[in-house]
Amino acid sequence: MKKLFYSIIGIIALAIAALVVIPNQYTDYFNPHIKMETDYAKVPKNTQKYYNVQAVDRNGRKLPYKIMYVGGYDPTQEYIAIHHKRQYVKLIEYIPKNKMPKNN
């Protein structure tokens, strides 16, 4: 009985550690310590799949990480607002160039 109890506690501890240590879209979605943010990025035209996107916050500062994958729906646009929790992207909106924050 003790062995089963310690096994369950160990599995729960590993699951919690995975939420904190392994940054990907699935763990970021469930991690309650990460808040939903809106950041901005310039993406390449003529594609709907954006990889390693360097986003900036509303003050124009680069994020300390790149978003691994962002899916789009309009290949003619190049400026987006990304609603995300680190690597988990909930929604993107295409925006005009004048809505992009200026780089500092």
N, C-alpha and C. Protein backbone atom coordinates (compact mmCIF):
# COMPACT_ATOMS: atom_id res chain seq x y z
N MET A 1 0.82 -1.19 0.00
CA MET A 1 0.00 0.00 0.00
C MET A 1 0.87 1.26 0.00
N LYS A 2 1.95 1.23 0.80
CA LYS A 2 2.85 2.38 0.83
C LYS A 2 3.51 2.59 -0.53
N LYS A 3 3.85 1.51 -1.18
CA LYS A 3 4.51 1.59 -2.47
C LYS A 3 3.59 2.27 -3.50
N LEU A 4 2.34 1.94 -3.50
CA LEU A 4 1.36 2.55 -4.41
C LEU A 4 1.21 4.04 -4.10
N PHE A 5 1.12 4.38 -2.83
CA PHE A 5 0.98 5.78 -2.42
C PHE A 5 2.18 6.60 -2.89
N TYR A 6 3.39 6.10 -2.67
CA TYR A 6 4.59 6.82 -3.07
C TYR A 6 4.71 6.90 -4.59
N SER A 7 4.24 5.91 -5.29
CA SER A 7 4.25 5.93 -6.75
C SER A 7 3.32 7.02 -7.28
N ILE A 8 2.16 7.13 -6.71
CA ILE A 8 1.20 8.16 -7.13
C ILE A 8 1.74 9.54 -6.82
N ILE A 9 2.32 9.74 -5.66
CA ILE A 9 2.91 11.03 -5.28
C ILE A 9 4.05 11.38 -6.25
N GLY A 10 4.86 10.39 -6.61
CA GLY A 10 5.96 10.62 -7.55
C GLY A 10 5.47 11.02 -8.93
N ILE A 11 4.42 10.39 -9.41
CA ILE A 11 3.86 10.72 -10.72
C ILE A 11 3.28 12.14 -10.71
N ILE A 12 2.61 12.50 -9.65
CA ILE A 12 2.05 13.86 -9.54
C ILE A 12 3.17 14.89 -9.50
N ALA A 13 4.24 14.61 -8.77
CA ALA A 13 5.38 15.54 -8.69
C ALA A 13 6.04 15.70 -10.06
N LEU A 14 6.19 14.62 -10.80
CA LEU A 14 6.77 14.71 -12.14
C LEU A 14 5.88 15.52 -13.09
N ALA A 15 4.58 15.34 -12.99
CA ALA A 15 3.65 16.09 -13.84
C ALA A 15 3.74 17.60 -13.56
N ILE A 16 3.81 17.95 -12.28
CA ILE A 16 3.93 19.36 -11.91
C ILE A 16 5.26 19.93 -12.38
N ALA A 17 6.33 19.17 -12.23
CA ALA A 17 7.65 19.62 -12.69
C ALA A 17 7.65 19.82 -14.21
N ALA A 18 6.97 18.95 -14.94
CA ALA A 18 6.91 19.07 -16.40
C ALA A 18 6.20 20.35 -16.82
N LEU A 19 5.18 20.77 -16.08
CA LEU A 19 4.48 22.02 -16.39
C LEU A 19 5.41 23.22 -16.29
N VAL A 20 6.33 23.17 -15.36
CA VAL A 20 7.22 24.30 -15.12
C VAL A 20 8.46 24.25 -16.01
N VAL A 21 9.01 23.07 -16.24
CA VAL A 21 10.30 22.93 -16.89
C VAL A 21 10.21 22.83 -18.40
N ILE A 22 9.23 22.15 -18.94
CA ILE A 22 9.15 21.89 -20.38
C ILE A 22 8.25 22.92 -21.05
N PRO A 23 8.84 23.93 -21.70
CA PRO A 23 7.99 24.94 -22.34
C PRO A 23 7.55 24.50 -23.74
N ASN A 24 6.30 24.16 -23.88
CA ASN A 24 5.72 23.91 -25.19
C ASN A 24 4.26 24.33 -25.14
N GLN A 25 3.57 24.26 -26.26
CA GLN A 25 2.21 24.78 -26.31
C GLN A 25 1.25 24.05 -25.39
N TYR A 26 1.48 22.77 -25.14
CA TYR A 26 0.57 22.00 -24.30
C TYR A 26 0.77 22.31 -22.82
N THR A 27 2.01 22.35 -22.37
CA THR A 27 2.26 22.65 -20.96
C THR A 27 1.94 24.10 -20.65
N ASP A 28 2.20 25.02 -21.60
CA ASP A 28 1.88 26.42 -21.37
C ASP A 28 0.38 26.66 -21.28
N TYR A 29 -0.40 25.89 -22.01
CA TYR A 29 -1.85 26.02 -21.96
C TYR A 29 -2.39 25.70 -20.56
N PHE A 30 -1.86 24.66 -19.94
CA PHE A 30 -2.36 24.23 -18.64
C PHE A 30 -1.67 24.90 -17.45
N ASN A 31 -0.55 25.58 -17.68
CA ASN A 31 0.18 26.20 -16.58
C ASN A 31 -0.57 27.42 -16.05
N PRO A 32 -1.03 27.38 -14.79
CA PRO A 32 -1.81 28.50 -14.26
C PRO A 32 -0.97 29.73 -13.92
N HIS A 33 0.35 29.61 -13.93
CA HIS A 33 1.22 30.73 -13.58
C HIS A 33 1.55 31.62 -14.77
N ILE A 34 1.16 31.21 -15.96
CA ILE A 34 1.40 32.00 -17.16
C ILE A 34 0.10 32.71 -17.53
N LYS A 35 0.18 34.02 -17.71
CA LYS A 35 -1.04 34.76 -18.06
C LYS A 35 -1.13 34.97 -19.56
N MET A 36 -2.33 35.16 -20.04
CA MET A 36 -2.58 35.43 -21.46
C MET A 36 -2.08 36.84 -21.77
N GLU A 37 -1.32 36.98 -22.86
CA GLU A 37 -0.76 38.27 -23.27
C GLU A 37 -1.10 38.56 -24.72
N THR A 38 -1.01 39.82 -25.10
CA THR A 38 -1.13 40.21 -26.49
C THR A 38 0.17 40.88 -26.90
N ASP A 39 0.84 40.29 -27.87
CA ASP A 39 2.09 40.84 -28.39
C ASP A 39 1.97 40.95 -29.90
N TYR A 40 2.98 41.56 -30.52
CA TYR A 40 2.89 41.91 -31.94
C TYR A 40 4.11 41.39 -32.69
N ALA A 41 3.94 41.10 -33.98
CA ALA A 41 5.06 40.59 -34.78
C ALA A 41 4.86 40.92 -36.25
N LYS A 42 6.01 40.98 -36.95
CA LYS A 42 6.00 41.08 -38.41
C LYS A 42 6.32 39.68 -38.92
N VAL A 43 5.48 39.17 -39.83
CA VAL A 43 5.65 37.81 -40.34
C VAL A 43 5.83 37.86 -41.86
N PRO A 44 6.42 36.81 -42.44
CA PRO A 44 6.62 36.82 -43.89
C PRO A 44 5.31 36.72 -44.67
N LYS A 45 5.29 37.33 -45.85
CA LYS A 45 4.11 37.25 -46.71
C LYS A 45 4.14 35.94 -47.50
N ASN A 46 3.02 35.63 -48.14
CA ASN A 46 2.86 34.48 -49.03
C ASN A 46 2.98 33.13 -48.32
N THR A 47 2.66 33.09 -47.05
CA THR A 47 2.60 31.83 -46.31
C THR A 47 1.59 31.98 -45.18
N GLN A 48 1.13 30.87 -44.68
CA GLN A 48 0.20 30.89 -43.55
C GLN A 48 0.78 30.16 -42.34
N LYS A 49 2.03 29.72 -42.46
CA LYS A 49 2.70 29.03 -41.36
C LYS A 49 3.93 29.84 -40.98
N TYR A 50 3.94 30.35 -39.76
CA TYR A 50 5.02 31.19 -39.30
C TYR A 50 5.78 30.46 -38.20
N TYR A 51 7.10 30.25 -38.41
CA TYR A 51 7.93 29.53 -37.45
C TYR A 51 8.93 30.48 -36.80
N ASN A 52 9.23 30.23 -35.53
CA ASN A 52 10.21 31.02 -34.77
C ASN A 52 9.93 32.51 -34.88
N VAL A 53 8.74 32.91 -34.49
CA VAL A 53 8.30 34.30 -34.61
C VAL A 53 8.86 35.10 -33.43
N GLN A 54 9.59 36.18 -33.74
CA GLN A 54 10.09 37.09 -32.71
C GLN A 54 9.04 38.17 -32.51
N ALA A 55 8.38 38.15 -31.39
CA ALA A 55 7.32 39.11 -31.09
C ALA A 55 7.86 40.23 -30.21
N VAL A 56 7.14 41.35 -30.20
CA VAL A 56 7.46 42.48 -29.34
C VAL A 56 6.23 42.79 -28.50
N ASP A 57 6.45 43.36 -27.31
CA ASP A 57 5.32 43.74 -26.46
C ASP A 57 4.79 45.11 -26.91
N ARG A 58 3.83 45.63 -26.20
CA ARG A 58 3.20 46.89 -26.62
C ARG A 58 4.14 48.09 -26.50
N ASN A 59 5.26 47.93 -25.78
CA ASN A 59 6.26 48.99 -25.67
C ASN A 59 7.36 48.87 -26.71
N GLY A 60 7.29 47.84 -27.56
CA GLY A 60 8.28 47.65 -28.61
C GLY A 60 9.49 46.84 -28.20
N ARG A 61 9.49 46.28 -26.99
CA ARG A 61 10.62 45.46 -26.53
C ARG A 61 10.43 44.02 -27.00
N LYS A 62 11.52 43.41 -27.50
CA LYS A 62 11.47 42.02 -27.94
C LYS A 62 11.20 41.10 -26.76
N LEU A 63 10.42 40.06 -26.99
CA LEU A 63 10.22 39.04 -25.97
C LEU A 63 11.52 38.25 -25.81
N PRO A 64 11.79 37.71 -24.61
CA PRO A 64 13.03 36.96 -24.40
C PRO A 64 13.03 35.58 -25.05
N TYR A 65 11.99 35.23 -25.74
CA TYR A 65 11.88 33.94 -26.42
C TYR A 65 11.16 34.15 -27.75
N LYS A 66 11.27 33.16 -28.64
CA LYS A 66 10.54 33.19 -29.90
C LYS A 66 9.38 32.21 -29.82
N ILE A 67 8.27 32.55 -30.44
CA ILE A 67 7.13 31.65 -30.49
C ILE A 67 7.40 30.65 -31.61
N MET A 68 7.41 29.36 -31.27
CA MET A 68 7.83 28.32 -32.20
C MET A 68 6.96 28.22 -33.45
N TYR A 69 5.63 28.31 -33.29
CA TYR A 69 4.74 28.17 -34.44
C TYR A 69 3.50 29.03 -34.24
N VAL A 70 3.17 29.76 -35.30
CA VAL A 70 1.93 30.54 -35.33
C VAL A 70 1.27 30.25 -36.67
N GLY A 71 0.02 29.83 -36.64
CA GLY A 71 -0.72 29.57 -37.87
C GLY A 71 -1.55 30.77 -38.26
N GLY A 72 -1.54 31.11 -39.53
CA GLY A 72 -2.29 32.26 -40.02
C GLY A 72 -3.37 31.85 -40.99
N TYR A 73 -4.04 32.84 -41.55
CA TYR A 73 -5.11 32.55 -42.50
C TYR A 73 -5.14 33.53 -43.66
N ASP A 74 -4.24 34.52 -43.71
CA ASP A 74 -4.22 35.48 -44.81
C ASP A 74 -2.78 35.68 -45.28
N PRO A 75 -2.39 35.04 -46.38
CA PRO A 75 -0.99 35.12 -46.82
C PRO A 75 -0.57 36.49 -47.37
N THR A 76 -1.51 37.43 -47.53
CA THR A 76 -1.15 38.74 -48.07
C THR A 76 -0.79 39.74 -46.98
N GLN A 77 -1.02 39.41 -45.72
CA GLN A 77 -0.75 40.32 -44.61
C GLN A 77 0.60 40.01 -43.97
N GLU A 78 1.20 41.02 -43.27
CA GLU A 78 2.49 40.76 -42.64
C GLU A 78 2.61 41.27 -41.20
N TYR A 79 1.59 41.88 -40.64
CA TYR A 79 1.65 42.34 -39.26
C TYR A 79 0.52 41.68 -38.47
N ILE A 80 0.88 41.11 -37.31
CA ILE A 80 -0.13 40.39 -36.52
C ILE A 80 -0.06 40.77 -35.05
N ALA A 81 -1.20 40.65 -34.40
CA ALA A 81 -1.30 40.71 -32.94
C ALA A 81 -1.55 39.27 -32.49
N ILE A 82 -0.74 38.81 -31.56
CA ILE A 82 -0.80 37.41 -31.12
C ILE A 82 -1.32 37.37 -29.69
N HIS A 83 -2.43 36.68 -29.47
CA HIS A 83 -2.96 36.45 -28.12
C HIS A 83 -2.46 35.08 -27.70
N HIS A 84 -1.59 35.05 -26.68
CA HIS A 84 -0.90 33.79 -26.35
C HIS A 84 -0.53 33.70 -24.87
N LYS A 85 -0.23 32.47 -24.48
CA LYS A 85 0.39 32.16 -23.19
C LYS A 85 1.72 31.51 -23.53
N ARG A 86 2.76 32.29 -23.60
CA ARG A 86 4.10 31.84 -24.02
C ARG A 86 4.02 31.10 -25.35
N GLN A 87 4.13 29.78 -25.41
CA GLN A 87 4.12 29.06 -26.69
C GLN A 87 2.72 28.68 -27.17
N TYR A 88 1.73 28.73 -26.30
CA TYR A 88 0.35 28.41 -26.69
C TYR A 88 -0.28 29.64 -27.33
N VAL A 89 -0.60 29.55 -28.61
CA VAL A 89 -1.23 30.66 -29.33
C VAL A 89 -2.72 30.41 -29.40
N LYS A 90 -3.49 31.31 -28.81
CA LYS A 90 -4.94 31.17 -28.81
C LYS A 90 -5.55 31.77 -30.08
N LEU A 91 -5.05 32.94 -30.48
CA LEU A 91 -5.68 33.69 -31.57
C LEU A 91 -4.68 34.67 -32.16
N ILE A 92 -4.77 34.89 -33.46
CA ILE A 92 -4.01 35.98 -34.07
C ILE A 92 -4.98 36.89 -34.80
N GLU A 93 -4.59 38.15 -34.88
CA GLU A 93 -5.36 39.14 -35.65
C GLU A 93 -4.38 39.85 -36.57
N TYR A 94 -4.75 40.05 -37.81
CA TYR A 94 -3.93 40.84 -38.71
C TYR A 94 -4.23 42.30 -38.45
N ILE A 95 -3.18 43.10 -38.38
CA ILE A 95 -3.32 44.52 -38.05
C ILE A 95 -2.59 45.35 -39.10
N PRO A 96 -2.96 46.63 -39.24
CA PRO A 96 -2.22 47.50 -40.15
C PRO A 96 -0.85 47.87 -39.56
N LYS A 97 0.05 48.29 -40.42
CA LYS A 97 1.42 48.61 -39.99
C LYS A 97 1.45 49.70 -38.92
N ASN A 98 0.56 50.68 -38.98
CA ASN A 98 0.58 51.77 -38.01
C ASN A 98 0.15 51.33 -36.61
N LYS A 99 -0.41 50.15 -36.44
CA LYS A 99 -0.78 49.63 -35.11
C LYS A 99 0.38 48.86 -34.46
N MET A 100 1.47 48.61 -35.22
CA MET A 100 2.63 47.92 -34.68
C MET A 100 3.38 48.85 -33.73
N PRO A 101 3.77 48.35 -32.56
CA PRO A 101 4.58 49.19 -31.64
C PRO A 101 5.95 49.49 -32.26
N LYS A 102 6.46 50.65 -31.97
CA LYS A 102 7.78 51.05 -32.45
C LYS A 102 8.84 50.36 -31.61
N ASN A 103 9.92 49.88 -32.26
CA ASN A 103 11.03 49.24 -31.54
C ASN A 103 11.81 50.27 -30.75
N ASN A 104 12.18 49.88 -29.52
CA ASN A 104 12.99 50.76 -28.68
C ASN A 104 14.45 50.41 -28.77
